[in-house]
């Protein structure tokens, strides 16, 4: 069991009730379960709609590459 439990929906720690999102069964016990806040829990804020830093950097690199390819 992981302490603290981290919600897969919002990446915040879970205090109190939780749901098991995915059972991480393995014979060695190396994989732990994946947890989330219960439905309707106000502590779960969800993920932001903004793209990640990596995604923005890759998007800019692709746009530059395409503009060079088109000769713009």
C-alpha atoms as a PDB file:
ATOM      1  CA  UNK A   1       0.000   0.000   0.000  1.00  0.00           C
ATOM      2  CA  UNK A   2       1.299   3.439  -0.937  1.00  0.00           C
ATOM      3  CA  UNK A   3       1.336   6.255   1.610  1.00  0.00           C
ATOM      4  CA  UNK A   4       0.081   8.759   0.773  1.00  0.00           C
ATOM      5  CA  UNK A   5      -2.318   7.453  -1.844  1.00  0.00           C
ATOM      6  CA  UNK A   6      -2.267   9.644  -4.963  1.00  0.00           C
ATOM      7  CA  UNK A   7      -5.395  10.195  -7.066  1.00  0.00           C
ATOM      8  CA  UNK A   8      -4.967   9.302 -10.753  1.00  0.00           C
ATOM      9  CA  UNK A   9      -7.529  11.948 -11.728  1.00  0.00           C
ATOM     10  CA  UNK A  10      -6.015  15.002 -10.034  1.00  0.00           C
ATOM     11  CA  UNK A  11      -2.515  13.980  -8.815  1.00  0.00           C
ATOM     12  CA  UNK A  12      -3.330  15.093  -5.256  1.00  0.00           C
ATOM     13  CA  UNK A  13      -3.002  12.954  -2.152  1.00  0.00           C
ATOM     14  CA  UNK A  14      -6.143  11.211  -0.939  1.00  0.00           C
ATOM     15  CA  UNK A  15      -7.152  11.718   2.671  1.00  0.00           C
ATOM     16  CA  UNK A  16     -10.030   9.551   3.843  1.00  0.00           C
ATOM     17  CA  UNK A  17     -12.169   7.453   1.506  1.00  0.00           C
ATOM     18  CA  UNK A  18     -10.782   6.219  -1.797  1.00  0.00           C
ATOM     19  CA  UNK A  19     -11.640   3.892  -4.673  1.00  0.00           C
ATOM     20  CA  UNK A  20      -9.297   1.432  -6.339  1.00  0.00           C
ATOM     21  CA  UNK A  21      -9.150   2.493 -10.004  1.00  0.00           C
ATOM     22  CA  UNK A  22      -6.898  -0.355 -11.188  1.00  0.00           C
ATOM     23  CA  UNK A  23      -5.724  -3.379  -9.266  1.00  0.00           C
ATOM     24  CA  UNK A  24      -1.960  -3.652  -9.652  1.00  0.00           C
ATOM     25  CA  UNK A  25      -1.699  -7.367  -8.979  1.00  0.00           C
ATOM     26  CA  UNK A  26       1.686  -8.989  -9.526  1.00  0.00           C
ATOM     27  CA  UNK A  27       3.118 -12.168  -8.069  1.00  0.00           C
ATOM     28  CA  UNK A  28       6.037 -10.294  -6.512  1.00  0.00           C
ATOM     29  CA  UNK A  29       3.899  -7.446  -5.178  1.00  0.00           C
ATOM     30  CA  UNK A  30       5.957  -4.877  -7.096  1.00  0.00           C
ATOM     31  CA  UNK A  31       2.946  -3.171  -8.678  1.00  0.00           C
ATOM     32  CA  UNK A  32       0.654  -1.306  -6.338  1.00  0.00           C
ATOM     33  CA  UNK A  33      -3.023  -0.539  -6.868  1.00  0.00           C
ATOM     34  CA  UNK A  34      -3.994   2.754  -8.512  1.00  0.00           C
ATOM     35  CA  UNK A  35      -6.353   4.954  -6.488  1.00  0.00           C
ATOM     36  CA  UNK A  36      -8.832   7.781  -7.055  1.00  0.00           C
ATOM     37  CA  UNK A  37     -11.145   9.974  -5.015  1.00  0.00           C
ATOM     38  CA  UNK A  38     -14.758   8.755  -4.741  1.00  0.00           C
ATOM     39  CA  UNK A  39     -17.147  10.220  -7.318  1.00  0.00           C
ATOM     40  CA  UNK A  40     -18.335  13.692  -6.308  1.00  0.00           C
ATOM     41  CA  UNK A  41     -15.571  14.273  -3.765  1.00  0.00           C
ATOM     42  CA  UNK A  42     -14.867  18.041  -3.702  1.00  0.00           C
ATOM     43  CA  UNK A  43     -11.188  17.351  -2.912  1.00  0.00           C
ATOM     44  CA  UNK A  44     -10.707  15.966  -6.442  1.00  0.00           C
ATOM     45  CA  UNK A  45     -10.054  18.956  -8.645  1.00  0.00           C
ATOM     46  CA  UNK A  46      -9.325  17.046 -11.838  1.00  0.00           C
ATOM     47  CA  UNK A  47      -6.470  17.820 -14.155  1.00  0.00           C
ATOM     48  CA  UNK A  48      -6.003  21.212 -15.728  1.00  0.00           C
ATOM     49  CA  UNK A  49      -7.006  21.631 -19.357  1.00  0.00           C
ATOM     50  CA  UNK A  50      -3.662  23.237 -20.188  1.00  0.00           C
ATOM     51  CA  UNK A  51      -1.193  21.193 -22.215  1.00  0.00           C
ATOM     52  CA  UNK A  52       1.951  20.017 -20.481  1.00  0.00           C
ATOM     53  CA  UNK A  53       5.295  21.738 -20.958  1.00  0.00           C
ATOM     54  CA  UNK A  54       6.574  18.766 -22.952  1.00  0.00           C
ATOM     55  CA  UNK A  55       3.498  18.764 -25.177  1.00  0.00           C
ATOM     56  CA  UNK A  56       3.855  22.503 -25.873  1.00  0.00           C
ATOM     57  CA  UNK A  57       7.562  22.106 -26.685  1.00  0.00           C
ATOM     58  CA  UNK A  58       6.897  19.209 -29.040  1.00  0.00           C
ATOM     59  CA  UNK A  59       4.045  21.138 -30.681  1.00  0.00           C
ATOM     60  CA  UNK A  60       6.348  24.131 -31.290  1.00  0.00           C
ATOM     61  CA  UNK A  61       9.089  21.889 -32.703  1.00  0.00           C
ATOM     62  CA  UNK A  62       6.654  20.171 -35.062  1.00  0.00           C
ATOM     63  CA  UNK A  63       5.226  23.491 -36.229  1.00  0.00           C
ATOM     64  CA  UNK A  64       8.729  24.806 -36.954  1.00  0.00           C
ATOM     65  CA  UNK A  65       9.648  21.621 -38.807  1.00  0.00           C
ATOM     66  CA  UNK A  66       6.500  21.755 -40.950  1.00  0.00           C
ATOM     67  CA  UNK A  67       7.043  25.434 -41.821  1.00  0.00           C
ATOM     68  CA  UNK A  68      10.634  24.669 -42.888  1.00  0.00           C
ATOM     69  CA  UNK A  69       9.432  21.717 -44.966  1.00  0.00           C
ATOM     70  CA  UNK A  70       6.861  23.895 -46.759  1.00  0.00           C
ATOM     71  CA  UNK A  71       9.476  26.577 -47.357  1.00  0.00           C
ATOM     72  CA  UNK A  72       7.656  29.248 -45.401  1.00  0.00           C
END
